[in-house]
């Protein structure tokens, strides 16, 4: 799974929810959301939601993935598996 990454001015790399929080700290009007993403309990839940969205992002854009190119990232769908391995 690929994660969003942000690099701060000192060269430290942040990934996933931590990247979103660091980006939010730098954007005007996003400081409260950035702070929430760093709160321990909320950070855990936000990390789980982020991971779920990252795993499923190619499944939601069927138009972009109509040619089957998204299977490189998401694996074959159930229907693709049935076509390539028919039952006897």
Protein backbone atom coordinates (compact mmCIF):
# COMPACT_ATOMS: atom_id res chain seq x y z
CA UNK A 1 0.00 0.00 0.00
CA UNK A 2 1.34 3.41 -0.93
CA UNK A 3 1.04 6.15 1.63
CA UNK A 4 0.82 9.90 1.21
CA UNK A 5 4.11 11.45 2.26
CA UNK A 6 5.14 14.95 3.31
CA UNK A 7 8.65 16.26 3.88
CA UNK A 8 9.22 19.08 6.37
CA UNK A 9 11.87 21.82 5.87
CA UNK A 10 14.35 19.78 7.94
CA UNK A 11 14.02 16.78 5.61
CA UNK A 12 11.96 14.61 7.99
CA UNK A 13 9.48 12.43 6.07
CA UNK A 14 5.95 11.95 7.40
CA UNK A 15 3.57 9.30 6.01
CA UNK A 16 -0.16 8.61 6.04
CA UNK A 17 -2.20 10.40 8.70
CA UNK A 18 0.96 12.02 10.07
CA UNK A 19 1.59 13.55 6.62
CA UNK A 20 -1.96 14.92 6.53
CA UNK A 21 -1.50 16.38 10.01
CA UNK A 22 1.80 18.06 9.08
CA UNK A 23 0.32 19.44 5.86
CA UNK A 24 -2.68 20.72 7.84
CA UNK A 25 -0.38 22.54 10.24
CA UNK A 26 1.11 24.43 7.30
CA UNK A 27 -2.20 25.40 5.66
CA UNK A 28 -4.25 28.36 6.84
CA UNK A 29 -7.54 27.28 8.42
CA UNK A 30 -6.54 23.63 8.86
CA UNK A 31 -4.73 23.79 12.22
CA UNK A 32 -7.68 22.37 14.22
CA UNK A 33 -8.00 19.37 11.91
CA UNK A 34 -4.23 18.87 12.03
CA UNK A 35 -4.32 18.96 15.83
CA UNK A 36 -7.20 16.43 15.91
CA UNK A 37 -5.24 14.05 13.68
CA UNK A 38 -2.43 14.06 16.25
CA UNK A 39 -4.63 13.31 19.30
CA UNK A 40 -3.75 9.71 20.31
CA UNK A 41 -7.20 8.04 20.15
CA UNK A 42 -8.30 10.02 17.12
CA UNK A 43 -4.93 9.38 15.45
CA UNK A 44 -5.46 5.61 15.75
CA UNK A 45 -8.96 5.75 14.25
CA UNK A 46 -7.85 8.21 11.53
CA UNK A 47 -4.98 5.84 10.67
CA UNK A 48 -7.38 2.93 10.27
CA UNK A 49 -9.72 5.00 8.09
CA UNK A 50 -6.76 6.24 6.02
CA UNK A 51 -5.52 2.67 5.49
CA UNK A 52 -9.00 1.50 4.44
CA UNK A 53 -9.38 4.38 1.96
CA UNK A 54 -5.87 3.74 0.58
CA UNK A 55 -6.64 0.03 0.07
CA UNK A 56 -9.93 0.73 -1.71
CA UNK A 57 -9.27 3.93 -3.69
CA UNK A 58 -8.92 2.16 -7.05
CA UNK A 59 -12.20 0.26 -6.60
CA UNK A 60 -14.20 3.48 -6.28
CA UNK A 61 -13.13 5.00 -9.58
CA UNK A 62 -14.47 2.41 -11.99
CA UNK A 63 -14.29 4.82 -14.94
CA UNK A 64 -10.56 5.38 -14.42
CA UNK A 65 -10.03 1.63 -13.97
CA UNK A 66 -12.28 0.46 -16.84
CA UNK A 67 -9.32 -0.86 -18.83
CA UNK A 68 -8.17 -3.09 -15.96
CA UNK A 69 -5.03 -1.06 -15.27
CA UNK A 70 -5.92 -0.68 -11.58
CA UNK A 71 -5.49 -4.40 -10.94
CA UNK A 72 -1.77 -3.64 -10.79
CA UNK A 73 -2.49 -1.82 -7.50
CA UNK A 74 -5.62 -3.50 -6.17
CA UNK A 75 -5.33 -7.05 -7.46
CA UNK A 76 -7.87 -8.74 -9.71
CA UNK A 77 -11.52 -8.36 -8.85
CA UNK A 78 -13.62 -11.44 -8.07
CA UNK A 79 -15.15 -11.35 -11.55
CA UNK A 80 -11.67 -11.14 -13.17
CA UNK A 81 -10.59 -14.19 -11.18
CA UNK A 82 -13.62 -16.16 -12.36
CA UNK A 83 -12.91 -15.29 -16.01
CA UNK A 84 -9.25 -16.25 -15.83
CA UNK A 85 -9.83 -19.45 -13.84
CA UNK A 86 -13.14 -20.99 -14.95
CA UNK A 87 -14.60 -23.80 -12.91
CA UNK A 88 -14.83 -27.19 -14.64
